[in-house]
């Protein structure tokens, strides 16, 4: 099979190689026994893969290895008792090995792909939408009628969070940096959008009538303090990641004065050993797809051999929606 390997840790320009490899065995490192073997049609491209090209991600397999954490395709084989079977269209989280024509995923991380979604959308379904649901519903305790501010609202996690928040009955405000990204956020379901500026916090507070209930922040960096200031009493700031490049610090007196919270939402580390929780989140996401709330926004698409260009799109902060590799399109 054709696959992309990370062969050195020098960044996306030089770290990747297109190679021929034997097809993987039907077993997976995340679960004992047999996994689901998937004929990959599309693979999702995410920030962890970019970090892996520099050796900066917490998961550090020995070189060389095939990156890629999420795929969409057709089941070749599945273990007895799995919720999917040979021939089914699926979206799956494989942790590693997704940038290849064949991948293996745990049964509890493999989900039927609704007929309304194509393979590109399926490749953006698990990582982003499960993260969004976990962050908003489980960690952020977002309730119907509340207001949520989403940073990076035109990105993969951002567009997913907007759609999940709407499905939970919340009002959404998306923070974006360009007019093009504003349009993407609006198409994804943002009720209001605010441009990044020196006054964005004031605009958010005014729009929300005194502050938002939840902030979802996958960006970090210098916006963090103003995110805290944009919360109303009992508000929650949910930390998802640091795509902005720097990890902020919080002065806890700010939490005390307004009775607010900073909540960590590390989806991957939390759910890895909890198969039933993954199935529960998968069912909730599938229900939101069926109800018409979730339609993953696919941004740029690249051939498998152009994976370096796909990662540079993320690195240069040009990505909107989910960047995908069309693995079987050349």
C-alpha atoms as a PDB file:
ATOM      1  CA  UNK A   1       0.000   0.000   0.000  1.00  0.00           C
ATOM      2  CA  UNK A   2       1.025   3.621  -0.405  1.00  0.00           C
ATOM      3  CA  UNK A   3       1.589   5.541   2.801  1.00  0.00           C
ATOM      4  CA  UNK A   4       3.184   8.671   4.173  1.00  0.00           C
ATOM      5  CA  UNK A   5       5.879   8.214   6.799  1.00  0.00           C
ATOM      6  CA  UNK A   6       7.532  10.712   9.105  1.00  0.00           C
ATOM      7  CA  UNK A   7      11.209   9.860   8.589  1.00  0.00           C
ATOM      8  CA  UNK A   8      12.810  12.746  10.485  1.00  0.00           C
ATOM      9  CA  UNK A   9      11.733  15.489  12.874  1.00  0.00           C
ATOM     10  CA  UNK A  10      12.552  18.556  10.822  1.00  0.00           C
ATOM     11  CA  UNK A  11       9.135  20.073  10.138  1.00  0.00           C
ATOM     12  CA  UNK A  12       6.636  19.417   7.329  1.00  0.00           C
ATOM     13  CA  UNK A  13       8.934  20.491   4.471  1.00  0.00           C
ATOM     14  CA  UNK A  14      11.417  17.622   4.897  1.00  0.00           C
ATOM     15  CA  UNK A  15      10.022  15.204   7.462  1.00  0.00           C
ATOM     16  CA  UNK A  16       7.643  13.266   5.192  1.00  0.00           C
ATOM     17  CA  UNK A  17       8.208  10.545   2.602  1.00  0.00           C
ATOM     18  CA  UNK A  18       5.748   8.754   0.307  1.00  0.00           C
ATOM     19  CA  UNK A  19       6.564   5.034   0.585  1.00  0.00           C
ATOM     20  CA  UNK A  20       5.279   1.543  -0.225  1.00  0.00           C
ATOM     21  CA  UNK A  21       4.583  -0.559   2.880  1.00  0.00           C
ATOM     22  CA  UNK A  22       2.979  -3.915   3.649  1.00  0.00           C
ATOM     23  CA  UNK A  23      -0.649  -3.621   4.670  1.00  0.00           C
ATOM     24  CA  UNK A  24      -1.125  -3.489   8.452  1.00  0.00           C
ATOM     25  CA  UNK A  25      -2.073  -6.486  10.580  1.00  0.00           C
ATOM     26  CA  UNK A  26      -5.681  -6.426  11.876  1.00  0.00           C
ATOM     27  CA  UNK A  27      -4.639  -5.538  15.418  1.00  0.00           C
ATOM     28  CA  UNK A  28      -4.394  -2.176  17.145  1.00  0.00           C
ATOM     29  CA  UNK A  29      -2.216  -0.757  19.891  1.00  0.00           C
ATOM     30  CA  UNK A  30      -5.209   0.804  21.694  1.00  0.00           C
ATOM     31  CA  UNK A  31      -7.161  -2.389  22.200  1.00  0.00           C
ATOM     32  CA  UNK A  32      -6.405  -6.071  22.718  1.00  0.00           C
ATOM     33  CA  UNK A  33      -7.267  -8.397  19.873  1.00  0.00           C
ATOM     34  CA  UNK A  34      -8.527  -7.582  16.421  1.00  0.00           C
ATOM     35  CA  UNK A  35      -9.338  -4.086  15.206  1.00  0.00           C
ATOM     36  CA  UNK A  36     -11.418  -2.836  12.280  1.00  0.00           C
ATOM     37  CA  UNK A  37      -9.491  -2.821   8.993  1.00  0.00           C
ATOM     38  CA  UNK A  38     -10.514   0.167   6.862  1.00  0.00           C
ATOM     39  CA  UNK A  39      -9.885   0.833   3.185  1.00  0.00           C
ATOM     40  CA  UNK A  40      -9.054   4.517   3.553  1.00  0.00           C
ATOM     41  CA  UNK A  41     -10.627   6.954   1.103  1.00  0.00           C
ATOM     42  CA  UNK A  42      -9.921  10.174   3.036  1.00  0.00           C
ATOM     43  CA  UNK A  43      -7.700  10.989   6.005  1.00  0.00           C
ATOM     44  CA  UNK A  44      -8.058  13.973   8.288  1.00  0.00           C
ATOM     45  CA  UNK A  45      -5.113  16.331   8.738  1.00  0.00           C
ATOM     46  CA  UNK A  46      -4.768  17.743  12.238  1.00  0.00           C
ATOM     47  CA  UNK A  47      -2.473  19.817  14.430  1.00  0.00           C
ATOM     48  CA  UNK A  48      -0.942  16.765  16.191  1.00  0.00           C
ATOM     49  CA  UNK A  49       0.521  15.542  12.882  1.00  0.00           C
ATOM     50  CA  UNK A  50       2.171  18.912  12.369  1.00  0.00           C
ATOM     51  CA  UNK A  51       3.707  18.694  15.836  1.00  0.00           C
ATOM     52  CA  UNK A  52       4.851  15.131  15.143  1.00  0.00           C
ATOM     53  CA  UNK A  53       6.906  16.328  12.157  1.00  0.00           C
ATOM     54  CA  UNK A  54       8.930  18.359  14.663  1.00  0.00           C
ATOM     55  CA  UNK A  55       8.994  15.802  17.474  1.00  0.00           C
ATOM     56  CA  UNK A  56       6.884  18.124  19.626  1.00  0.00           C
ATOM     57  CA  UNK A  57       3.826  15.940  20.246  1.00  0.00           C
ATOM     58  CA  UNK A  58       3.391  13.885  23.415  1.00  0.00           C
ATOM     59  CA  UNK A  59       2.979  10.672  21.415  1.00  0.00           C
ATOM     60  CA  UNK A  60       6.465   9.911  20.045  1.00  0.00           C
ATOM     61  CA  UNK A  61       6.623   6.616  18.142  1.00  0.00           C
ATOM     62  CA  UNK A  62      10.051   5.507  16.920  1.00  0.00           C
ATOM     63  CA  UNK A  63      10.965   6.741  13.457  1.00  0.00           C
ATOM     64  CA  UNK A  64       9.879   6.070  10.790  1.00  0.00           C
ATOM     65  CA  UNK A  65       6.124   5.845  11.373  1.00  0.00           C
ATOM     66  CA  UNK A  66       2.868   6.541   9.544  1.00  0.00           C
ATOM     67  CA  UNK A  67       1.000   9.508  11.062  1.00  0.00           C
ATOM     68  CA  UNK A  68      -2.692  10.227  10.754  1.00  0.00           C
ATOM     69  CA  UNK A  69      -5.263   9.845  13.492  1.00  0.00           C
ATOM     70  CA  UNK A  70      -8.618   9.776  11.678  1.00  0.00           C
ATOM     71  CA  UNK A  71      -9.922   8.241   8.488  1.00  0.00           C
ATOM     72  CA  UNK A  72     -13.071   7.587   6.523  1.00  0.00           C
ATOM     73  CA  UNK A  73     -13.558   4.669   4.190  1.00  0.00           C
ATOM     74  CA  UNK A  74     -14.999   1.184   3.794  1.00  0.00           C
ATOM     75  CA  UNK A  75     -14.666  -1.682   6.248  1.00  0.00           C
ATOM     76  CA  UNK A  76     -12.653  -4.628   4.961  1.00  0.00           C
ATOM     77  CA  UNK A  77     -12.974  -6.679   8.137  1.00  0.00           C
ATOM     78  CA  UNK A  78     -14.280  -6.224  11.660  1.00  0.00           C
ATOM     79  CA  UNK A  79     -14.211  -8.343  14.829  1.00  0.00           C
ATOM     80  CA  UNK A  80     -17.255 -10.253  15.976  1.00  0.00           C
ATOM     81  CA  UNK A  81     -19.657  -8.065  17.908  1.00  0.00           C
ATOM     82  CA  UNK A  82     -18.497  -4.798  16.339  1.00  0.00           C
ATOM     83  CA  UNK A  83     -21.103  -2.168  15.468  1.00  0.00           C
ATOM     84  CA  UNK A  84     -19.817  -2.174  11.871  1.00  0.00           C
ATOM     85  CA  UNK A  85     -19.285  -4.938   9.316  1.00  0.00           C
ATOM     86  CA  UNK A  86     -17.494  -5.591   6.041  1.00  0.00           C
ATOM     87  CA  UNK A  87     -18.622  -3.161   3.341  1.00  0.00           C
ATOM     88  CA  UNK A  88     -19.896  -0.460   5.698  1.00  0.00           C
ATOM     89  CA  UNK A  89     -18.951   3.175   5.199  1.00  0.00           C
ATOM     90  CA  UNK A  90     -17.281   4.383   8.404  1.00  0.00           C
ATOM     91  CA  UNK A  91     -15.488   7.205  10.163  1.00  0.00           C
ATOM     92  CA  UNK A  92     -12.749   6.023  12.509  1.00  0.00           C
ATOM     93  CA  UNK A  93     -10.074   7.228  14.892  1.00  0.00           C
ATOM     94  CA  UNK A  94      -6.908   5.180  14.500  1.00  0.00           C
ATOM     95  CA  UNK A  95      -4.423   7.356  16.504  1.00  0.00           C
ATOM     96  CA  UNK A  96      -1.617   6.474  14.056  1.00  0.00           C
ATOM     97  CA  UNK A  97      -1.478   5.010  10.567  1.00  0.00           C
ATOM     98  CA  UNK A  98      -4.165   7.083   8.892  1.00  0.00           C
ATOM     99  CA  UNK A  99      -2.014   8.566   6.118  1.00  0.00           C
ATOM    100  CA  UNK A 100      -2.166   5.291   4.184  1.00  0.00           C
ATOM    101  CA  UNK A 101      -4.399   3.338   1.834  1.00  0.00           C
ATOM    102  CA  UNK A 102      -5.291   0.876   4.602  1.00  0.00           C
ATOM    103  CA  UNK A 103      -5.569   1.572   8.336  1.00  0.00           C
ATOM    104  CA  UNK A 104      -6.705  -0.223  11.486  1.00  0.00           C
ATOM    105  CA  UNK A 105      -8.869   1.328  14.213  1.00  0.00           C
ATOM    106  CA  UNK A 106     -10.304   0.016  17.481  1.00  0.00           C
ATOM    107  CA  UNK A 107     -13.889  -1.196  17.282  1.00  0.00           C
ATOM    108  CA  UNK A 108     -14.992   1.400  19.865  1.00  0.00           C
ATOM    109  CA  UNK A 109     -13.466   4.204  17.764  1.00  0.00           C
ATOM    110  CA  UNK A 110     -15.153   3.132  14.494  1.00  0.00           C
ATOM    111  CA  UNK A 111     -18.594   4.535  13.677  1.00  0.00           C
ATOM    112  CA  UNK A 112     -21.074   4.103  10.815  1.00  0.00           C
ATOM    113  CA  UNK A 113     -20.902   7.050   8.415  1.00  0.00           C
ATOM    114  CA  UNK A 114     -24.318   8.528   7.697  1.00  0.00           C
ATOM    115  CA  UNK A 115     -25.339   8.564   3.999  1.00  0.00           C
ATOM    116  CA  UNK A 116     -25.671  12.366   4.205  1.00  0.00           C
ATOM    117  CA  UNK A 117     -21.889  12.685   4.707  1.00  0.00           C
ATOM    118  CA  UNK A 118     -19.162  12.008   2.152  1.00  0.00           C
ATOM    119  CA  UNK A 119     -15.751  10.548   2.973  1.00  0.00           C
ATOM    120  CA  UNK A 120     -14.145  13.984   3.276  1.00  0.00           C
ATOM    121  CA  UNK A 121     -16.693  14.948   5.910  1.00  0.00           C
ATOM    122  CA  UNK A 122     -16.230  11.581   7.589  1.00  0.00           C
ATOM    123  CA  UNK A 123     -12.509  12.230   7.898  1.00  0.00           C
ATOM    124  CA  UNK A 124     -13.359  15.339   9.930  1.00  0.00           C
ATOM    125  CA  UNK A 125     -15.967  13.733  12.137  1.00  0.00           C
ATOM    126  CA  UNK A 126     -14.338  11.888  15.036  1.00  0.00           C
ATOM    127  CA  UNK A 127     -11.471  14.042  16.287  1.00  0.00           C
ATOM    128  CA  UNK A 128     -13.175  17.424  15.964  1.00  0.00           C
ATOM    129  CA  UNK A 129     -16.779  16.569  16.790  1.00  0.00           C
ATOM    130  CA  UNK A 130     -16.012  14.189  19.629  1.00  0.00           C
ATOM    131  CA  UNK A 131     -13.667  16.843  21.030  1.00  0.00           C
ATOM    132  CA  UNK A 132     -16.376  19.484  20.674  1.00  0.00           C
ATOM    133  CA  UNK A 133     -19.031  17.350  22.366  1.00  0.00           C
ATOM    134  CA  UNK A 134     -16.680  16.295  25.163  1.00  0.00           C
ATOM    135  CA  UNK A 135     -15.532  19.894  25.694  1.00  0.00           C
ATOM    136  CA  UNK A 136     -18.946  21.562  25.600  1.00  0.00           C
ATOM    137  CA  UNK A 137     -21.392  19.008  26.964  1.00  0.00           C
ATOM    138  CA  UNK A 138     -19.255  17.029  29.405  1.00  0.00           C
ATOM    139  CA  UNK A 139     -16.495  19.410  30.534  1.00  0.00           C
ATOM    140  CA  UNK A 140     -18.136  22.796  29.905  1.00  0.00           C
ATOM    141  CA  UNK A 141     -21.604  21.669  31.068  1.00  0.00           C
ATOM    142  CA  UNK A 142     -23.200  23.776  28.326  1.00  0.00           C
ATOM    143  CA  UNK A 143     -26.956  23.968  28.720  1.00  0.00           C
ATOM    144  CA  UNK A 144     -29.824  24.895  26.439  1.00  0.00           C
ATOM    145  CA  UNK A 145     -30.280  28.656  26.319  1.00  0.00           C
ATOM    146  CA  UNK A 146     -26.691  29.499  27.287  1.00  0.00           C
ATOM    147  CA  UNK A 147     -24.252  31.428  25.102  1.00  0.00           C
ATOM    148  CA  UNK A 148     -20.887  30.080  23.979  1.00  0.00           C
ATOM    149  CA  UNK A 149     -17.954  31.967  22.449  1.00  0.00           C
ATOM    150  CA  UNK A 150     -15.821  29.870  20.090  1.00  0.00           C
ATOM    151  CA  UNK A 151     -12.253  30.915  19.322  1.00  0.00           C
ATOM    152  CA  UNK A 152     -10.812  29.905  15.954  1.00  0.00           C
ATOM    153  CA  UNK A 153     -14.387  29.587  14.768  1.00  0.00           C
ATOM    154  CA  UNK A 154     -13.478  28.876  11.140  1.00  0.00           C
ATOM    155  CA  UNK A 155     -11.109  26.001  11.912  1.00  0.00           C
ATOM    156  CA  UNK A 156     -11.850  22.306  12.254  1.00  0.00           C
ATOM    157  CA  UNK A 157     -12.517  22.310  15.997  1.00  0.00           C
ATOM    158  CA  UNK A 158     -14.183  25.724  15.790  1.00  0.00           C
ATOM    159  CA  UNK A 159     -16.715  24.822  13.106  1.00  0.00           C
ATOM    160  CA  UNK A 160     -17.448  21.554  14.948  1.00  0.00           C
ATOM    161  CA  UNK A 161     -17.991  23.422  18.222  1.00  0.00           C
ATOM    162  CA  UNK A 162     -20.423  25.854  16.586  1.00  0.00           C
ATOM    163  CA  UNK A 163     -22.531  23.009  15.239  1.00  0.00           C
ATOM    164  CA  UNK A 164     -22.458  20.938  18.437  1.00  0.00           C
ATOM    165  CA  UNK A 165     -23.347  24.005  20.524  1.00  0.00           C
ATOM    166  CA  UNK A 166     -26.363  24.702  18.322  1.00  0.00           C
ATOM    167  CA  UNK A 167     -27.439  21.079  18.632  1.00  0.00           C
ATOM    168  CA  UNK A 168     -27.277  21.494  22.421  1.00  0.00           C
ATOM    169  CA  UNK A 169     -29.594  24.481  22.177  1.00  0.00           C
ATOM    170  CA  UNK A 170     -27.003  27.199  22.830  1.00  0.00           C
ATOM    171  CA  UNK A 171     -26.480  30.576  21.211  1.00  0.00           C
ATOM    172  CA  UNK A 172     -23.134  30.823  19.387  1.00  0.00           C
ATOM    173  CA  UNK A 173     -20.626  33.627  18.851  1.00  0.00           C
ATOM    174  CA  UNK A 174     -17.621  32.910  16.659  1.00  0.00           C
ATOM    175  CA  UNK A 175     -14.335  34.814  16.920  1.00  0.00           C
ATOM    176  CA  UNK A 176     -12.506  35.054  13.583  1.00  0.00           C
ATOM    177  CA  UNK A 177      -9.549  36.916  12.116  1.00  0.00           C
ATOM    178  CA  UNK A 178     -10.568  37.588   8.488  1.00  0.00           C
ATOM    179  CA  UNK A 179     -13.685  38.210   6.426  1.00  0.00           C
ATOM    180  CA  UNK A 180     -13.172  34.875   4.646  1.00  0.00           C
ATOM    181  CA  UNK A 181     -13.089  33.075   7.991  1.00  0.00           C
ATOM    182  CA  UNK A 182     -16.165  35.002   9.084  1.00  0.00           C
ATOM    183  CA  UNK A 183     -18.062  33.557   6.121  1.00  0.00           C
ATOM    184  CA  UNK A 184     -16.923  30.027   6.987  1.00  0.00           C
ATOM    185  CA  UNK A 185     -18.028  30.449  10.614  1.00  0.00           C
ATOM    186  CA  UNK A 186     -21.406  31.815   9.538  1.00  0.00           C
ATOM    187  CA  UNK A 187     -21.917  28.910   7.147  1.00  0.00           C
ATOM    188  CA  UNK A 188     -21.024  26.529   9.980  1.00  0.00           C
ATOM    189  CA  UNK A 189     -23.784  28.010  12.110  1.00  0.00           C
ATOM    190  CA  UNK A 190     -22.400  30.934  14.108  1.00  0.00           C
ATOM    191  CA  UNK A 191     -25.294  33.064  15.304  1.00  0.00           C
ATOM    192  CA  UNK A 192     -22.959  36.066  15.519  1.00  0.00           C
ATOM    193  CA  UNK A 193     -19.343  36.649  14.568  1.00  0.00           C
ATOM    194  CA  UNK A 194     -16.765  39.040  15.988  1.00  0.00           C
ATOM    195  CA  UNK A 195     -13.471  39.982  14.362  1.00  0.00           C
ATOM    196  CA  UNK A 196     -10.243  39.750  16.352  1.00  0.00           C
ATOM    197  CA  UNK A 197      -9.260  43.289  17.387  1.00  0.00           C
ATOM    198  CA  UNK A 198      -8.267  45.250  20.459  1.00  0.00           C
ATOM    199  CA  UNK A 199     -11.950  45.507  21.378  1.00  0.00           C
ATOM    200  CA  UNK A 200     -13.247  41.998  20.627  1.00  0.00           C
ATOM    201  CA  UNK A 201     -13.914  41.278  24.302  1.00  0.00           C
ATOM    202  CA  UNK A 202     -16.126  44.375  24.625  1.00  0.00           C
ATOM    203  CA  UNK A 203     -18.081  43.381  21.524  1.00  0.00           C
ATOM    204  CA  UNK A 204     -18.636  39.867  22.879  1.00  0.00           C
ATOM    205  CA  UNK A 205     -19.822  41.183  26.257  1.00  0.00           C
ATOM    206  CA  UNK A 206     -22.228  43.581  24.542  1.00  0.00           C
ATOM    207  CA  UNK A 207     -23.563  40.955  22.141  1.00  0.00           C
ATOM    208  CA  UNK A 208     -24.151  38.483  24.962  1.00  0.00           C
ATOM    209  CA  UNK A 209     -25.826  40.957  27.286  1.00  0.00           C
ATOM    210  CA  UNK A 210     -23.123  41.004  29.932  1.00  0.00           C
ATOM    211  CA  UNK A 211     -20.912  38.027  29.174  1.00  0.00           C
ATOM    212  CA  UNK A 212     -20.975  34.505  27.793  1.00  0.00           C
ATOM    213  CA  UNK A 213     -21.581  31.323  29.762  1.00  0.00           C
ATOM    214  CA  UNK A 214     -18.858  29.263  28.082  1.00  0.00           C
ATOM    215  CA  UNK A 215     -15.729  30.063  26.098  1.00  0.00           C
ATOM    216  CA  UNK A 216     -14.231  27.252  24.023  1.00  0.00           C
ATOM    217  CA  UNK A 217     -10.568  28.010  23.348  1.00  0.00           C
ATOM    218  CA  UNK A 218      -8.397  25.822  21.109  1.00  0.00           C
ATOM    219  CA  UNK A 219      -6.030  28.752  20.445  1.00  0.00           C
ATOM    220  CA  UNK A 220      -4.555  29.961  23.764  1.00  0.00           C
ATOM    221  CA  UNK A 221      -1.954  32.687  23.568  1.00  0.00           C
ATOM    222  CA  UNK A 222      -2.609  36.329  24.342  1.00  0.00           C
ATOM    223  CA  UNK A 223      -6.424  36.115  24.084  1.00  0.00           C
ATOM    224  CA  UNK A 224      -6.727  34.126  27.289  1.00  0.00           C
ATOM    225  CA  UNK A 225      -7.128  36.984  29.768  1.00  0.00           C
ATOM    226  CA  UNK A 226      -9.772  38.687  27.666  1.00  0.00           C
ATOM    227  CA  UNK A 227     -11.564  35.342  27.383  1.00  0.00           C
ATOM    228  CA  UNK A 228     -11.835  35.273  31.175  1.00  0.00           C
ATOM    229  CA  UNK A 229     -13.087  38.864  31.155  1.00  0.00           C
ATOM    230  CA  UNK A 230     -15.769  37.959  28.619  1.00  0.00           C
ATOM    231  CA  UNK A 231     -17.393  35.426  30.982  1.00  0.00           C
ATOM    232  CA  UNK A 232     -20.505  36.207  33.000  1.00  0.00           C
ATOM    233  CA  UNK A 233     -20.843  35.045  36.610  1.00  0.00           C
ATOM    234  CA  UNK A 234     -20.532  31.229  36.855  1.00  0.00           C
ATOM    235  CA  UNK A 235     -18.970  31.147  33.389  1.00  0.00           C
ATOM    236  CA  UNK A 236     -16.575  28.428  32.233  1.00  0.00           C
ATOM    237  CA  UNK A 237     -13.510  28.821  30.021  1.00  0.00           C
ATOM    238  CA  UNK A 238     -12.791  25.442  28.407  1.00  0.00           C
ATOM    239  CA  UNK A 239      -9.170  24.973  27.329  1.00  0.00           C
ATOM    240  CA  UNK A 240      -8.898  22.642  24.322  1.00  0.00           C
ATOM    241  CA  UNK A 241      -5.440  23.405  22.913  1.00  0.00           C
ATOM    242  CA  UNK A 242      -2.817  25.945  21.973  1.00  0.00           C
ATOM    243  CA  UNK A 243      -2.746  26.324  18.204  1.00  0.00           C
ATOM    244  CA  UNK A 244      -1.669  29.931  18.747  1.00  0.00           C
ATOM    245  CA  UNK A 245       1.700  28.569  19.829  1.00  0.00           C
ATOM    246  CA  UNK A 246       1.963  29.803  23.430  1.00  0.00           C
ATOM    247  CA  UNK A 247       0.521  28.438  26.655  1.00  0.00           C
ATOM    248  CA  UNK A 248      -1.134  31.182  28.737  1.00  0.00           C
ATOM    249  CA  UNK A 249      -1.140  31.482  32.522  1.00  0.00           C
ATOM    250  CA  UNK A 250      -4.073  32.494  34.696  1.00  0.00           C
ATOM    251  CA  UNK A 251      -4.118  34.764  37.741  1.00  0.00           C
ATOM    252  CA  UNK A 252      -6.559  32.910  39.935  1.00  0.00           C
ATOM    253  CA  UNK A 253      -7.886  36.061  41.594  1.00  0.00           C
ATOM    254  CA  UNK A 254      -9.790  36.643  38.338  1.00  0.00           C
ATOM    255  CA  UNK A 255     -11.658  33.382  38.965  1.00  0.00           C
ATOM    256  CA  UNK A 256     -12.397  34.315  42.554  1.00  0.00           C
ATOM    257  CA  UNK A 257     -13.745  37.788  41.832  1.00  0.00           C
ATOM    258  CA  UNK A 258     -16.340  36.669  39.275  1.00  0.00           C
ATOM    259  CA  UNK A 259     -16.918  33.061  40.378  1.00  0.00           C
ATOM    260  CA  UNK A 260     -15.687  31.652  37.080  1.00  0.00           C
ATOM    261  CA  UNK A 261     -13.812  28.485  36.131  1.00  0.00           C
ATOM    262  CA  UNK A 262     -11.008  27.377  33.840  1.00  0.00           C
ATOM    263  CA  UNK A 263     -11.668  23.796  32.717  1.00  0.00           C
ATOM    264  CA  UNK A 264      -9.283  21.504  30.862  1.00  0.00           C
ATOM    265  CA  UNK A 265     -10.713  19.369  28.048  1.00  0.00           C
ATOM    266  CA  UNK A 266      -8.119  16.812  26.992  1.00  0.00           C
ATOM    267  CA  UNK A 267     -10.362  14.521  24.953  1.00  0.00           C
ATOM    268  CA  UNK A 268      -7.787  12.030  23.691  1.00  0.00           C
ATOM    269  CA  UNK A 269      -6.056  11.221  26.969  1.00  0.00           C
ATOM    270  CA  UNK A 270      -9.380  10.971  28.785  1.00  0.00           C
ATOM    271  CA  UNK A 271     -11.293   8.677  26.438  1.00  0.00           C
ATOM    272  CA  UNK A 272      -8.586   6.241  25.320  1.00  0.00           C
ATOM    273  CA  UNK A 273      -9.318   3.686  28.024  1.00  0.00           C
ATOM    274  CA  UNK A 274     -13.080   4.230  28.137  1.00  0.00           C
ATOM    275  CA  UNK A 275     -14.769   2.295  25.297  1.00  0.00           C
ATOM    276  CA  UNK A 276     -18.299   2.893  26.597  1.00  0.00           C
ATOM    277  CA  UNK A 277     -17.755   6.645  26.795  1.00  0.00           C
ATOM    278  CA  UNK A 278     -16.581   6.655  23.171  1.00  0.00           C
ATOM    279  CA  UNK A 279     -19.709   4.791  22.122  1.00  0.00           C
ATOM    280  CA  UNK A 280     -21.852   7.238  24.125  1.00  0.00           C
ATOM    281  CA  UNK A 281     -20.225  10.259  22.462  1.00  0.00           C
ATOM    282  CA  UNK A 282     -20.444   8.553  19.066  1.00  0.00           C
ATOM    283  CA  UNK A 283     -24.174   7.999  19.535  1.00  0.00           C
ATOM    284  CA  UNK A 284     -24.712  11.638  20.522  1.00  0.00           C
ATOM    285  CA  UNK A 285     -22.764  12.877  17.487  1.00  0.00           C
ATOM    286  CA  UNK A 286     -24.643  10.492  15.174  1.00  0.00           C
ATOM    287  CA  UNK A 287     -27.945  11.790  16.531  1.00  0.00           C
ATOM    288  CA  UNK A 288     -26.845  15.372  15.794  1.00  0.00           C
ATOM    289  CA  UNK A 289     -25.965  14.314  12.237  1.00  0.00           C
ATOM    290  CA  UNK A 290     -29.385  12.705  11.808  1.00  0.00           C
ATOM    291  CA  UNK A 291     -31.083  15.852  13.152  1.00  0.00           C
ATOM    292  CA  UNK A 292     -29.243  17.991  10.590  1.00  0.00           C
ATOM    293  CA  UNK A 293     -27.075  19.983  13.016  1.00  0.00           C
ATOM    294  CA  UNK A 294     -23.725  18.408  12.110  1.00  0.00           C
ATOM    295  CA  UNK A 295     -22.307  18.790   8.626  1.00  0.00           C
ATOM    296  CA  UNK A 296     -18.486  18.833   8.826  1.00  0.00           C
ATOM    297  CA  UNK A 297     -16.968  21.758   6.937  1.00  0.00           C
ATOM    298  CA  UNK A 298     -14.253  20.460   4.610  1.00  0.00           C
ATOM    299  CA  UNK A 299     -11.608  22.991   3.638  1.00  0.00           C
ATOM    300  CA  UNK A 300      -8.662  22.317   1.357  1.00  0.00           C
ATOM    301  CA  UNK A 301      -8.182  18.820  -0.035  1.00  0.00           C
ATOM    302  CA  UNK A 302      -4.835  17.329  -1.019  1.00  0.00           C
ATOM    303  CA  UNK A 303      -3.607  14.131  -2.632  1.00  0.00           C
ATOM    304  CA  UNK A 304      -1.788  11.703  -0.343  1.00  0.00           C
ATOM    305  CA  UNK A 305       1.580  12.630  -1.864  1.00  0.00           C
ATOM    306  CA  UNK A 306       0.950  16.290  -1.020  1.00  0.00           C
ATOM    307  CA  UNK A 307       0.625  15.720   2.733  1.00  0.00           C
ATOM    308  CA  UNK A 308       3.440  18.189   3.411  1.00  0.00           C
ATOM    309  CA  UNK A 309       1.460  20.961   1.722  1.00  0.00           C
ATOM    310  CA  UNK A 310      -1.592  20.017   3.783  1.00  0.00           C
ATOM    311  CA  UNK A 311       0.385  20.315   7.016  1.00  0.00           C
ATOM    312  CA  UNK A 312       1.855  23.649   5.947  1.00  0.00           C
ATOM    313  CA  UNK A 313      -1.688  24.950   5.491  1.00  0.00           C
ATOM    314  CA  UNK A 314      -2.161  24.342   9.223  1.00  0.00           C
ATOM    315  CA  UNK A 315       1.277  25.646  10.115  1.00  0.00           C
ATOM    316  CA  UNK A 316       0.680  28.938   8.313  1.00  0.00           C
ATOM    317  CA  UNK A 317      -2.784  29.366   9.871  1.00  0.00           C
ATOM    318  CA  UNK A 318      -4.464  29.352   6.460  1.00  0.00           C
ATOM    319  CA  UNK A 319      -6.793  26.427   7.089  1.00  0.00           C
ATOM    320  CA  UNK A 320     -10.554  26.754   7.251  1.00  0.00           C
ATOM    321  CA  UNK A 321     -12.737  23.819   8.158  1.00  0.00           C
ATOM    322  CA  UNK A 322     -11.152  20.367   8.023  1.00  0.00           C
ATOM    323  CA  UNK A 323      -8.101  19.799   5.829  1.00  0.00           C
ATOM    324  CA  UNK A 324      -8.210  16.296   4.298  1.00  0.00           C
ATOM    325  CA  UNK A 325      -6.132  13.971   2.176  1.00  0.00           C
ATOM    326  CA  UNK A 326      -7.924  12.262  -0.718  1.00  0.00           C
ATOM    327  CA  UNK A 327      -5.973   9.068  -0.229  1.00  0.00           C
ATOM    328  CA  UNK A 328      -7.356   7.137  -3.196  1.00  0.00           C
ATOM    329  CA  UNK A 329      -7.508  10.029  -5.651  1.00  0.00           C
ATOM    330  CA  UNK A 330      -3.858  10.019  -6.749  1.00  0.00           C
END
